[in-house]
N, C-alpha and C. Protein backbone atom coordinates (compact mmCIF):
# COMPACT_ATOMS: atom_id res chain seq x y z
N UNK A 1 80.08 -8.94 40.73
CA UNK A 1 80.43 -10.03 39.84
C UNK A 1 81.32 -9.51 38.71
N UNK A 2 82.21 -10.34 38.26
CA UNK A 2 83.14 -9.98 37.20
C UNK A 2 82.52 -10.18 35.82
N UNK A 3 82.86 -9.27 34.93
CA UNK A 3 82.46 -9.40 33.53
C UNK A 3 83.56 -10.15 32.81
N UNK A 4 83.18 -11.13 32.01
CA UNK A 4 84.15 -11.90 31.22
C UNK A 4 84.20 -11.28 29.82
N UNK A 5 85.35 -10.68 29.49
CA UNK A 5 85.52 -10.01 28.20
C UNK A 5 85.87 -11.02 27.12
N UNK A 6 85.49 -10.77 25.88
CA UNK A 6 84.75 -9.61 25.39
C UNK A 6 83.26 -9.72 25.72
N UNK A 7 82.57 -8.57 25.58
CA UNK A 7 81.11 -8.55 25.72
C UNK A 7 80.50 -8.19 24.37
N UNK A 8 79.24 -8.53 24.24
CA UNK A 8 78.53 -8.31 22.98
C UNK A 8 77.30 -7.45 23.24
N UNK A 9 77.00 -6.58 22.29
CA UNK A 9 75.89 -5.64 22.43
C UNK A 9 74.60 -6.31 21.97
N UNK A 10 73.55 -6.14 22.78
CA UNK A 10 72.21 -6.58 22.41
C UNK A 10 71.42 -5.32 22.07
N UNK A 11 71.08 -5.15 20.81
CA UNK A 11 70.51 -3.90 20.31
C UNK A 11 68.99 -3.82 20.48
N UNK A 12 68.50 -4.19 21.63
CA UNK A 12 67.06 -4.12 21.87
C UNK A 12 66.80 -4.12 23.37
N UNK A 13 65.64 -3.64 23.76
CA UNK A 13 65.22 -3.72 25.16
C UNK A 13 64.33 -4.93 25.39
N UNK A 14 64.02 -5.65 24.33
CA UNK A 14 63.17 -6.83 24.46
C UNK A 14 64.03 -8.07 24.71
N UNK A 15 64.51 -8.18 25.95
CA UNK A 15 65.35 -9.30 26.37
C UNK A 15 64.51 -10.17 27.30
N UNK A 16 64.53 -11.47 27.06
CA UNK A 16 63.72 -12.38 27.86
C UNK A 16 64.46 -13.70 28.03
N UNK A 17 64.36 -14.27 29.24
CA UNK A 17 64.95 -15.58 29.48
C UNK A 17 63.83 -16.56 29.80
N UNK A 18 63.86 -17.71 29.12
CA UNK A 18 62.80 -18.71 29.31
C UNK A 18 63.35 -20.09 29.00
N UNK A 19 63.16 -21.01 29.93
CA UNK A 19 63.57 -22.41 29.75
C UNK A 19 65.04 -22.55 29.33
N UNK A 20 65.93 -21.77 29.93
CA UNK A 20 67.35 -21.87 29.63
C UNK A 20 67.78 -21.15 28.36
N UNK A 21 66.86 -20.47 27.71
CA UNK A 21 67.17 -19.74 26.49
C UNK A 21 67.08 -18.23 26.76
N UNK A 22 68.06 -17.48 26.29
CA UNK A 22 68.03 -16.03 26.38
C UNK A 22 67.65 -15.50 25.00
N UNK A 23 66.57 -14.73 24.95
CA UNK A 23 66.06 -14.18 23.70
C UNK A 23 66.30 -12.68 23.63
N UNK A 24 66.55 -12.20 22.42
CA UNK A 24 66.59 -10.78 22.12
C UNK A 24 65.78 -10.61 20.84
N UNK A 25 64.68 -9.87 20.93
CA UNK A 25 63.79 -9.69 19.77
C UNK A 25 63.37 -11.03 19.16
N UNK A 26 62.98 -11.97 19.98
CA UNK A 26 62.50 -13.31 19.60
C UNK A 26 63.57 -14.22 18.99
N UNK A 27 64.81 -13.74 18.90
CA UNK A 27 65.89 -14.60 18.41
C UNK A 27 66.73 -15.06 19.61
N UNK A 28 67.32 -16.22 19.51
CA UNK A 28 68.06 -16.81 20.62
C UNK A 28 69.48 -16.24 20.66
N UNK A 29 69.84 -15.74 21.83
CA UNK A 29 71.20 -15.23 22.06
C UNK A 29 72.06 -16.34 22.66
N UNK A 30 71.52 -17.03 23.69
CA UNK A 30 72.28 -18.07 24.39
C UNK A 30 71.35 -19.22 24.73
N UNK A 31 71.89 -20.43 24.62
CA UNK A 31 71.16 -21.65 24.95
C UNK A 31 71.88 -22.33 26.10
N UNK A 32 71.45 -22.04 27.34
CA UNK A 32 72.12 -22.60 28.52
C UNK A 32 71.80 -24.07 28.73
N UNK A 33 70.95 -24.63 27.89
CA UNK A 33 70.67 -26.06 27.95
C UNK A 33 71.80 -26.87 27.32
N UNK A 34 72.65 -26.21 26.56
CA UNK A 34 73.78 -26.87 25.91
C UNK A 34 74.96 -26.91 26.88
N UNK A 35 75.78 -27.95 26.75
CA UNK A 35 76.99 -28.04 27.56
C UNK A 35 78.01 -27.06 27.01
N UNK A 36 78.79 -26.50 27.89
CA UNK A 36 79.82 -25.56 27.47
C UNK A 36 79.88 -24.39 28.43
N UNK A 37 81.09 -23.97 28.71
CA UNK A 37 81.28 -22.90 29.69
C UNK A 37 81.13 -21.50 29.10
N UNK A 38 81.27 -21.38 27.78
CA UNK A 38 81.23 -20.03 27.20
C UNK A 38 80.04 -19.88 26.26
N UNK A 39 79.68 -18.64 26.06
CA UNK A 39 78.62 -18.29 25.13
C UNK A 39 78.91 -18.84 23.73
N UNK A 40 80.14 -18.67 23.28
CA UNK A 40 80.53 -19.11 21.94
C UNK A 40 80.38 -20.61 21.74
N UNK A 41 80.81 -21.39 22.72
CA UNK A 41 80.71 -22.85 22.61
C UNK A 41 79.25 -23.28 22.57
N UNK A 42 78.42 -22.70 23.44
CA UNK A 42 77.00 -23.05 23.46
C UNK A 42 76.30 -22.65 22.16
N UNK A 43 76.67 -21.51 21.61
CA UNK A 43 76.05 -21.07 20.34
C UNK A 43 76.43 -22.01 19.19
N UNK A 44 77.67 -22.48 19.19
CA UNK A 44 78.11 -23.41 18.14
C UNK A 44 77.37 -24.74 18.24
N UNK A 45 77.05 -25.17 19.45
CA UNK A 45 76.39 -26.47 19.66
C UNK A 45 74.87 -26.40 19.53
N UNK A 46 74.31 -25.22 19.62
CA UNK A 46 72.85 -25.08 19.66
C UNK A 46 72.20 -25.59 18.37
N UNK A 47 71.14 -26.39 18.51
CA UNK A 47 70.44 -26.87 17.32
C UNK A 47 69.51 -25.79 16.72
N UNK A 48 69.29 -24.71 17.47
CA UNK A 48 68.39 -23.64 17.00
C UNK A 48 69.05 -22.86 15.86
N UNK A 49 68.25 -22.55 14.86
CA UNK A 49 68.76 -21.82 13.69
C UNK A 49 68.53 -20.32 13.77
N UNK A 50 67.62 -19.90 14.63
CA UNK A 50 67.29 -18.47 14.71
C UNK A 50 68.13 -17.77 15.79
N UNK A 51 69.45 -17.85 15.63
CA UNK A 51 70.36 -17.21 16.59
C UNK A 51 70.45 -15.71 16.31
N UNK A 52 70.44 -14.95 17.38
CA UNK A 52 70.59 -13.49 17.28
C UNK A 52 72.01 -13.19 16.81
N UNK A 53 72.13 -12.33 15.83
CA UNK A 53 73.44 -11.98 15.27
C UNK A 53 74.14 -10.99 16.21
N UNK A 54 75.27 -11.40 16.75
CA UNK A 54 76.05 -10.54 17.65
C UNK A 54 76.97 -9.67 16.78
N UNK A 55 76.51 -8.47 16.46
CA UNK A 55 77.20 -7.61 15.49
C UNK A 55 78.36 -6.84 16.09
N UNK A 56 78.24 -6.44 17.35
CA UNK A 56 79.26 -5.57 17.95
C UNK A 56 79.89 -6.26 19.15
N UNK A 57 81.22 -6.40 19.10
CA UNK A 57 81.99 -6.99 20.19
C UNK A 57 82.82 -5.87 20.83
N UNK A 58 82.81 -5.83 22.14
CA UNK A 58 83.59 -4.85 22.90
C UNK A 58 84.64 -5.62 23.69
N UNK A 59 85.91 -5.32 23.44
CA UNK A 59 86.99 -6.14 23.98
C UNK A 59 87.44 -5.79 25.39
N UNK A 60 87.20 -4.55 25.82
CA UNK A 60 87.74 -4.14 27.13
C UNK A 60 86.87 -3.06 27.76
N UNK A 61 87.09 -2.83 29.04
CA UNK A 61 86.34 -1.78 29.73
C UNK A 61 86.66 -0.42 29.12
N UNK A 62 87.90 -0.25 28.68
CA UNK A 62 88.29 1.00 28.02
C UNK A 62 87.42 1.27 26.79
N UNK A 63 87.15 0.25 26.00
CA UNK A 63 86.26 0.40 24.84
C UNK A 63 84.79 0.53 25.28
N UNK A 64 84.46 -0.15 26.35
CA UNK A 64 83.09 -0.19 26.85
C UNK A 64 82.58 1.20 27.27
N UNK A 65 83.44 2.01 27.89
CA UNK A 65 82.98 3.32 28.37
C UNK A 65 82.58 4.24 27.22
N UNK A 66 83.05 3.97 26.02
CA UNK A 66 82.68 4.77 24.85
C UNK A 66 81.32 4.37 24.27
N UNK A 67 80.87 3.16 24.57
CA UNK A 67 79.64 2.65 23.95
C UNK A 67 78.41 3.26 24.61
N UNK A 68 77.38 3.49 23.81
CA UNK A 68 76.17 4.14 24.31
C UNK A 68 75.00 3.19 24.54
N UNK A 69 75.22 1.89 24.41
CA UNK A 69 74.13 0.93 24.59
C UNK A 69 73.78 0.70 26.04
N UNK A 70 72.79 -0.18 26.24
CA UNK A 70 72.33 -0.52 27.58
C UNK A 70 72.41 -2.01 27.88
N UNK A 71 72.17 -2.86 26.88
CA UNK A 71 72.05 -4.30 27.10
C UNK A 71 73.23 -5.04 26.49
N UNK A 72 73.79 -5.95 27.30
CA UNK A 72 75.00 -6.67 26.90
C UNK A 72 74.95 -8.11 27.39
N UNK A 73 75.78 -8.93 26.76
CA UNK A 73 76.01 -10.29 27.26
C UNK A 73 77.51 -10.52 27.23
N UNK A 74 78.04 -11.11 28.31
CA UNK A 74 79.49 -11.33 28.33
C UNK A 74 79.82 -12.71 27.75
N UNK A 75 81.10 -13.03 27.71
CA UNK A 75 81.55 -14.27 27.07
C UNK A 75 81.13 -15.53 27.81
N UNK A 76 80.77 -15.39 29.08
CA UNK A 76 80.25 -16.54 29.84
C UNK A 76 78.75 -16.70 29.66
N UNK A 77 78.10 -15.73 28.99
CA UNK A 77 76.66 -15.81 28.78
C UNK A 77 75.86 -15.08 29.84
N UNK A 78 76.52 -14.23 30.61
CA UNK A 78 75.80 -13.47 31.63
C UNK A 78 75.24 -12.19 31.01
N UNK A 79 73.91 -12.07 31.02
CA UNK A 79 73.25 -10.88 30.51
C UNK A 79 73.33 -9.79 31.58
N UNK A 80 73.60 -8.55 31.14
CA UNK A 80 73.55 -7.44 32.09
C UNK A 80 73.12 -6.17 31.37
N UNK A 81 72.55 -5.29 32.15
CA UNK A 81 72.10 -3.99 31.66
C UNK A 81 72.98 -2.95 32.34
N UNK A 82 73.61 -2.10 31.55
CA UNK A 82 74.55 -1.10 32.07
C UNK A 82 73.95 0.28 31.90
N UNK A 83 73.68 0.91 33.01
CA UNK A 83 73.18 2.28 33.00
C UNK A 83 74.29 3.17 33.53
N UNK A 84 74.72 4.10 32.71
CA UNK A 84 75.81 4.99 33.10
C UNK A 84 75.31 5.95 34.17
N UNK A 85 75.88 5.84 35.36
CA UNK A 85 75.45 6.71 36.45
C UNK A 85 76.60 7.25 37.30
N UNK A 86 77.81 6.83 36.99
CA UNK A 86 78.96 7.32 37.73
C UNK A 86 79.62 8.44 36.94
N UNK A 87 79.79 9.58 37.57
CA UNK A 87 80.42 10.74 36.92
C UNK A 87 81.92 10.71 37.21
N UNK A 88 82.71 10.79 36.15
CA UNK A 88 84.17 10.77 36.27
C UNK A 88 84.76 12.00 35.60
N UNK A 89 85.78 12.56 36.21
CA UNK A 89 86.48 13.69 35.60
C UNK A 89 87.27 13.20 34.40
N UNK A 90 87.36 14.05 33.38
CA UNK A 90 88.16 13.78 32.19
C UNK A 90 89.18 14.90 32.09
N UNK A 91 90.45 14.55 32.29
CA UNK A 91 91.52 15.54 32.38
C UNK A 91 92.56 15.28 31.30
N UNK A 92 92.95 16.35 30.62
CA UNK A 92 93.92 16.27 29.53
C UNK A 92 95.33 16.37 30.09
N UNK A 93 96.21 15.46 29.65
CA UNK A 93 97.61 15.43 30.06
C UNK A 93 98.52 15.43 28.83
N UNK A 94 99.65 16.08 28.94
CA UNK A 94 100.64 16.06 27.87
C UNK A 94 101.26 14.66 27.82
N UNK A 95 101.41 14.15 26.61
CA UNK A 95 102.06 12.84 26.44
C UNK A 95 103.56 13.05 26.56
N UNK A 96 104.20 12.33 27.49
CA UNK A 96 105.64 12.43 27.68
C UNK A 96 106.40 11.56 26.69
N UNK A 97 105.96 10.31 26.55
CA UNK A 97 106.61 9.41 25.59
C UNK A 97 105.69 8.24 25.28
N UNK A 98 105.99 7.61 24.16
CA UNK A 98 105.26 6.43 23.72
C UNK A 98 106.27 5.33 23.45
N UNK A 99 106.11 4.21 24.14
CA UNK A 99 107.00 3.07 23.95
C UNK A 99 106.29 2.02 23.12
N UNK A 100 106.81 1.74 21.94
CA UNK A 100 106.20 0.73 21.08
C UNK A 100 106.65 -0.66 21.56
N UNK A 101 105.68 -1.56 21.66
CA UNK A 101 105.92 -2.95 22.06
C UNK A 101 105.44 -3.87 20.95
N UNK A 102 105.66 -5.17 21.13
CA UNK A 102 105.26 -6.14 20.10
C UNK A 102 103.76 -6.13 19.83
N UNK A 103 102.96 -6.07 20.89
CA UNK A 103 101.50 -6.20 20.71
C UNK A 103 100.75 -4.90 20.98
N UNK A 104 101.45 -3.81 21.12
CA UNK A 104 100.79 -2.53 21.38
C UNK A 104 101.83 -1.48 21.77
N UNK A 105 101.36 -0.46 22.45
CA UNK A 105 102.24 0.62 22.89
C UNK A 105 101.88 1.05 24.30
N UNK A 106 102.88 1.60 24.98
CA UNK A 106 102.68 2.18 26.31
C UNK A 106 102.74 3.69 26.18
N UNK A 107 101.72 4.36 26.71
CA UNK A 107 101.66 5.82 26.66
C UNK A 107 101.92 6.35 28.07
N UNK A 108 102.98 7.13 28.19
CA UNK A 108 103.33 7.78 29.46
C UNK A 108 102.84 9.22 29.41
N UNK A 109 102.10 9.64 30.43
CA UNK A 109 101.54 10.99 30.49
C UNK A 109 102.13 11.77 31.66
N UNK A 110 102.22 13.06 31.46
CA UNK A 110 102.72 13.96 32.49
C UNK A 110 101.88 13.84 33.76
N UNK A 111 102.55 13.76 34.91
CA UNK A 111 101.93 13.69 36.24
C UNK A 111 101.18 12.40 36.53
N UNK A 112 101.40 11.36 35.72
CA UNK A 112 100.82 10.05 36.00
C UNK A 112 101.99 9.06 36.07
N UNK A 113 102.15 8.37 37.22
CA UNK A 113 103.35 7.55 37.43
C UNK A 113 103.36 6.18 36.75
N UNK A 114 102.39 5.90 35.90
CA UNK A 114 102.34 4.61 35.22
C UNK A 114 101.86 4.82 33.78
N UNK A 115 102.18 3.87 32.90
CA UNK A 115 101.75 4.02 31.50
C UNK A 115 100.37 3.41 31.26
N UNK A 116 99.76 3.81 30.14
CA UNK A 116 98.51 3.20 29.67
C UNK A 116 98.85 2.35 28.45
N UNK A 117 98.28 1.16 28.39
CA UNK A 117 98.49 0.28 27.24
C UNK A 117 97.44 0.60 26.18
N UNK A 118 97.88 0.73 24.93
CA UNK A 118 96.97 0.89 23.80
C UNK A 118 97.41 -0.05 22.68
N UNK A 119 96.47 -0.41 21.81
CA UNK A 119 96.78 -1.34 20.72
C UNK A 119 97.63 -0.69 19.64
N UNK A 120 97.29 0.57 19.31
CA UNK A 120 98.01 1.28 18.25
C UNK A 120 98.45 2.64 18.77
N UNK A 121 99.67 3.04 18.43
CA UNK A 121 100.11 4.36 18.89
C UNK A 121 99.32 5.47 18.19
N UNK A 122 99.14 6.60 18.87
CA UNK A 122 98.43 7.71 18.23
C UNK A 122 99.31 8.35 17.16
N UNK A 123 98.66 9.11 16.27
CA UNK A 123 99.42 9.84 15.26
C UNK A 123 100.35 10.82 15.97
N UNK A 124 101.48 11.14 15.33
CA UNK A 124 102.50 12.00 15.94
C UNK A 124 101.96 13.40 16.29
N UNK A 125 100.99 13.88 15.54
CA UNK A 125 100.45 15.23 15.79
C UNK A 125 99.61 15.29 17.07
N UNK A 126 99.20 14.16 17.59
CA UNK A 126 98.38 14.11 18.81
C UNK A 126 99.30 14.11 20.03
N UNK A 127 99.35 15.22 20.71
CA UNK A 127 100.31 15.44 21.81
C UNK A 127 99.70 15.34 23.21
N UNK A 128 98.37 15.23 23.28
CA UNK A 128 97.70 15.18 24.58
C UNK A 128 96.79 13.96 24.68
N UNK A 129 96.70 13.45 25.90
CA UNK A 129 95.82 12.32 26.17
C UNK A 129 94.81 12.73 27.23
N UNK A 130 93.53 12.47 26.96
CA UNK A 130 92.49 12.73 27.96
C UNK A 130 92.29 11.45 28.77
N UNK A 131 92.35 11.59 30.08
CA UNK A 131 92.32 10.45 30.98
C UNK A 131 91.09 10.56 31.89
N UNK A 132 90.34 9.46 31.98
CA UNK A 132 89.21 9.39 32.91
C UNK A 132 89.74 9.08 34.31
N UNK A 133 89.26 9.84 35.27
CA UNK A 133 89.63 9.63 36.67
C UNK A 133 88.45 8.98 37.39
N UNK A 134 88.69 7.78 37.91
CA UNK A 134 87.68 7.09 38.70
C UNK A 134 88.12 7.14 40.15
N UNK A 135 87.24 7.62 41.02
CA UNK A 135 87.57 7.81 42.44
C UNK A 135 88.83 8.65 42.60
N UNK A 136 88.93 9.70 41.80
CA UNK A 136 90.05 10.65 41.82
C UNK A 136 91.40 10.04 41.47
N UNK A 137 91.40 8.90 40.79
CA UNK A 137 92.62 8.25 40.35
C UNK A 137 92.61 8.13 38.83
N UNK A 138 93.74 8.41 38.16
CA UNK A 138 93.79 8.23 36.70
C UNK A 138 93.56 6.76 36.37
N UNK A 139 92.56 6.48 35.52
CA UNK A 139 92.16 5.09 35.33
C UNK A 139 92.13 4.62 33.88
N UNK A 140 91.55 5.43 32.99
CA UNK A 140 91.35 4.97 31.62
C UNK A 140 91.79 6.05 30.65
N UNK A 141 92.65 5.68 29.71
CA UNK A 141 93.02 6.61 28.65
C UNK A 141 91.82 6.67 27.72
N UNK A 142 91.22 7.84 27.60
CA UNK A 142 89.94 8.00 26.92
C UNK A 142 90.08 8.43 25.47
N UNK A 143 90.97 9.41 25.20
CA UNK A 143 91.12 9.91 23.83
C UNK A 143 92.42 10.70 23.69
N UNK A 144 92.73 11.07 22.45
CA UNK A 144 93.92 11.87 22.14
C UNK A 144 93.49 13.16 21.45
N UNK A 145 94.34 14.19 21.56
CA UNK A 145 94.05 15.46 20.88
C UNK A 145 95.36 16.19 20.57
N UNK A 146 95.27 17.16 19.66
CA UNK A 146 96.42 17.97 19.29
C UNK A 146 96.74 19.01 20.35
N UNK A 147 95.69 19.55 20.99
CA UNK A 147 95.85 20.60 21.98
C UNK A 147 95.27 20.15 23.30
N UNK A 148 95.74 20.75 24.37
CA UNK A 148 95.20 20.42 25.69
C UNK A 148 93.73 20.82 25.75
N UNK A 149 92.92 19.92 26.29
CA UNK A 149 91.48 20.14 26.41
C UNK A 149 91.14 20.64 27.81
N UNK A 150 90.02 21.33 27.92
CA UNK A 150 89.54 21.77 29.23
C UNK A 150 89.11 20.56 30.05
N UNK A 151 89.26 20.70 31.36
CA UNK A 151 88.77 19.64 32.26
C UNK A 151 87.26 19.55 32.10
N UNK A 152 86.77 18.32 31.98
CA UNK A 152 85.34 18.09 31.82
C UNK A 152 84.98 16.79 32.54
N UNK A 153 83.89 16.15 32.18
CA UNK A 153 83.47 14.92 32.84
C UNK A 153 82.73 14.01 31.85
N UNK A 154 82.64 12.76 32.22
CA UNK A 154 81.86 11.78 31.46
C UNK A 154 81.15 10.88 32.45
N UNK A 155 79.99 10.37 32.03
CA UNK A 155 79.30 9.35 32.82
C UNK A 155 79.73 7.98 32.31
N UNK A 156 80.00 7.10 33.25
CA UNK A 156 80.34 5.73 32.85
C UNK A 156 79.47 4.75 33.64
């Protein structure tokens, strides 16, 4: 199933669904009894006052792999628990060029035939990009550094 971004972090393991209501620590996260296709619309319409405060929003899978939580709800109101169990190589590449665009930048890395989109360009002193490889393919720009880093791994 597809995750509808952004997703929101639920900072507890006490998640319960009952009578169309999703609870986190006895506060209501989502009210599926309300009309509306998205979590946000249902929360705005809900007559309940004890809504769980969604403090952390994660906009993309690239941001998601950095997060250390377990419990999430997506924008459609689908609750899911994410346990990191896939090991991916993290390989440092020299940055060849950065193309600034209207809404972000494209980062081109040595030995990777396509660019990575980022919201803000890295500082000029950062010359290397660490890239997560999923199924032996460069997939996610993970971080930047001044010097080339040793090959390592991350769980996602």
